[in-house]
């Protein structure tokens, strides 16, 4: 919004000699097309992709919050979602629900991941895959852990 105002002011090049009628007509010529075209350009992109500010955090299980950053159906046959899982201090999810295949990256913290009965400690910067339907348990061994999750669901 601020950028639009700056653009309008730059295009108008206000001078002390401009009459109010002239000023009004210039504002209408600049603002009206922008008001009409701006909503159209933003809705056409949302038919396939939805890059948006993160949704508010929602509790997944006790001590674990999630927020979605991006969703798209542009990959043929798949719905893709990028979300962050945030684990509070020393929290644990004995069974973390994922409704698809997932690529996970530990962004910060240290966690203990149990995947199909195999327990492994993960540190920030590590990636791992979780197949759809696999039993996944995560325990945060530190103060705060953030896991970026890219989820692929078949349509």
Protein backbone atom coordinates (compact mmCIF):
# COMPACT_ATOMS: atom_id res chain seq x y z
CA UNK A 1 0.00 0.00 0.00
CA UNK A 2 2.81 2.41 0.90
CA UNK A 3 4.55 1.67 -2.41
CA UNK A 4 1.34 2.55 -4.27
CA UNK A 5 1.15 5.91 -2.52
CA UNK A 6 4.79 6.63 -3.34
CA UNK A 7 4.17 5.68 -6.96
CA UNK A 8 1.13 7.98 -7.15
CA UNK A 9 3.03 10.90 -5.66
CA UNK A 10 5.97 10.38 -8.04
CA UNK A 11 3.71 10.24 -11.10
CA UNK A 12 1.81 13.35 -10.09
CA UNK A 13 4.91 15.54 -9.60
CA UNK A 14 3.02 17.97 -7.47
CA UNK A 15 3.74 21.65 -7.99
CA UNK A 16 2.34 24.70 -6.22
CA UNK A 17 0.59 25.84 -9.41
CA UNK A 18 -1.55 22.70 -9.86
CA UNK A 19 -5.27 23.43 -9.49
CA UNK A 20 -7.44 21.19 -7.35
CA UNK A 21 -9.56 20.15 -10.40
CA UNK A 22 -6.42 19.22 -12.34
CA UNK A 23 -5.07 17.36 -9.30
CA UNK A 24 -8.35 15.46 -8.94
CA UNK A 25 -8.36 14.33 -12.56
CA UNK A 26 -4.72 13.15 -12.39
CA UNK A 27 -5.39 11.17 -9.19
CA UNK A 28 -8.41 9.49 -10.79
CA UNK A 29 -6.46 8.57 -13.92
CA UNK A 30 -3.72 6.95 -11.84
CA UNK A 31 -5.64 5.42 -8.93
CA UNK A 32 -8.73 3.98 -10.65
CA UNK A 33 -6.85 1.65 -13.05
CA UNK A 34 -4.62 0.53 -10.19
CA UNK A 35 -7.65 -0.22 -7.98
CA UNK A 36 -9.27 -2.25 -10.76
CA UNK A 37 -6.18 -4.21 -11.85
CA UNK A 38 -4.60 -4.94 -8.45
CA UNK A 39 -7.30 -7.36 -7.23
CA UNK A 40 -7.33 -9.16 -10.60
CA UNK A 41 -3.59 -9.78 -10.61
CA UNK A 42 -3.60 -11.17 -7.07
CA UNK A 43 -6.55 -13.54 -7.59
CA UNK A 44 -5.29 -15.09 -10.81
CA UNK A 45 -2.12 -16.32 -9.09
CA UNK A 46 -4.07 -17.87 -6.22
CA UNK A 47 -5.88 -20.34 -8.44
CA UNK A 48 -2.77 -22.55 -8.47
CA UNK A 49 -0.41 -21.22 -5.80
CA UNK A 50 -1.02 -19.62 -2.48
CA UNK A 51 2.05 -17.80 -1.21
CA UNK A 52 0.76 -15.86 1.74
CA UNK A 53 1.81 -14.64 5.13
CA UNK A 54 2.00 -17.55 7.56
CA UNK A 55 -1.28 -18.61 9.06
CA UNK A 56 -1.59 -18.24 12.81
CA UNK A 57 -0.01 -21.06 14.76
CA UNK A 58 -2.28 -24.00 15.52
CA UNK A 59 -1.62 -26.71 18.09
CA UNK A 60 -0.90 -30.08 16.44
CA UNK A 61 -0.31 -32.01 19.65
CA UNK A 62 0.54 -30.84 23.15
CA UNK A 63 3.73 -28.74 23.02
CA UNK A 64 3.85 -28.59 19.19
CA UNK A 65 2.55 -25.73 17.04
CA UNK A 66 2.29 -25.55 13.24
CA UNK A 67 1.95 -22.76 10.70
CA UNK A 68 1.54 -22.99 6.92
CA UNK A 69 3.66 -20.76 4.66
CA UNK A 70 2.71 -21.93 1.17
CA UNK A 71 0.36 -24.32 -0.62
CA UNK A 72 0.07 -25.26 -4.29
CA UNK A 73 -1.60 -27.74 -6.60
CA UNK A 74 0.72 -26.96 -9.52
CA UNK A 75 2.67 -30.23 -9.25
CA UNK A 76 0.62 -32.71 -11.31
CA UNK A 77 -1.24 -35.15 -9.08
CA UNK A 78 -0.02 -33.62 -5.80
CA UNK A 79 -1.04 -30.99 -3.31
CA UNK A 80 2.13 -29.48 -1.81
CA UNK A 81 2.31 -27.61 1.48
CA UNK A 82 5.22 -25.91 3.25
CA UNK A 83 4.80 -25.58 7.00
CA UNK A 84 6.85 -25.09 10.14
CA UNK A 85 6.48 -27.25 13.22
CA UNK A 86 7.59 -25.54 16.42
CA UNK A 87 8.43 -27.65 19.47
CA UNK A 88 8.44 -26.02 22.89
CA UNK A 89 11.15 -26.69 25.48
CA UNK A 90 11.61 -30.43 26.07
CA UNK A 91 8.28 -31.21 24.40
CA UNK A 92 7.46 -34.53 22.82
CA UNK A 93 5.09 -35.77 20.14
CA UNK A 94 4.77 -39.54 20.57
CA UNK A 95 2.86 -39.73 17.30
CA UNK A 96 3.05 -36.80 14.89
CA UNK A 97 0.27 -36.87 12.29
CA UNK A 98 1.38 -36.23 8.68
CA UNK A 99 -1.12 -36.73 5.86
CA UNK A 100 1.35 -37.40 3.05
CA UNK A 101 5.03 -37.89 2.21
CA UNK A 102 7.26 -35.30 3.87
CA UNK A 103 10.71 -33.82 3.48
CA UNK A 104 11.73 -32.43 6.86
CA UNK A 105 14.56 -30.05 7.78
CA UNK A 106 15.53 -29.18 11.32
CA UNK A 107 16.02 -25.41 11.17
CA UNK A 108 17.00 -24.86 14.79
CA UNK A 109 17.52 -26.97 17.89
CA UNK A 110 18.34 -30.59 18.61
CA UNK A 111 15.71 -33.33 18.49
CA UNK A 112 15.41 -37.08 18.76
CA UNK A 113 13.44 -38.60 15.86
CA UNK A 114 11.94 -42.07 16.02
CA UNK A 115 10.88 -43.22 12.57
CA UNK A 116 9.51 -46.77 12.12
CA UNK A 117 11.14 -47.74 15.44
CA UNK A 118 14.59 -46.37 14.48
CA UNK A 119 15.74 -43.63 16.91
CA UNK A 120 18.20 -40.96 15.73
CA UNK A 121 19.38 -37.60 17.05
CA UNK A 122 19.07 -34.72 14.56
CA UNK A 123 20.83 -31.36 14.67
CA UNK A 124 20.06 -28.07 12.90
CA UNK A 125 20.56 -28.29 9.13
CA UNK A 126 19.78 -32.00 8.79
CA UNK A 127 17.14 -33.35 6.37
CA UNK A 128 15.16 -36.60 6.38
CA UNK A 129 12.25 -38.16 4.53
CA UNK A 130 9.05 -39.54 6.06
CA UNK A 131 6.90 -41.84 3.93
CA UNK A 132 3.13 -41.54 4.06
CA UNK A 133 1.70 -43.61 6.90
CA UNK A 134 5.06 -44.06 8.69
CA UNK A 135 4.95 -43.82 12.46
CA UNK A 136 6.87 -40.68 13.48
CA UNK A 137 7.73 -39.56 17.01
CA UNK A 138 9.82 -36.48 17.85
CA UNK A 139 11.29 -35.39 21.18
CA UNK A 140 12.86 -31.96 21.62
CA UNK A 141 15.98 -32.35 23.77
CA UNK A 142 16.59 -28.58 24.02
CA UNK A 143 14.77 -25.32 24.52
CA UNK A 144 13.20 -24.69 21.10
CA UNK A 145 13.14 -26.66 17.84
CA UNK A 146 11.73 -25.62 14.46
CA UNK A 147 11.19 -28.17 11.68
CA UNK A 148 10.45 -26.99 8.13
CA UNK A 149 8.16 -29.60 6.56
CA UNK A 150 7.38 -29.90 2.87
CA UNK A 151 4.36 -32.17 2.57
CA UNK A 152 3.26 -33.95 -0.63
CA UNK A 153 -0.31 -35.32 -0.72
CA UNK A 154 -1.76 -37.16 -3.69
CA UNK A 155 -4.91 -35.59 -5.14
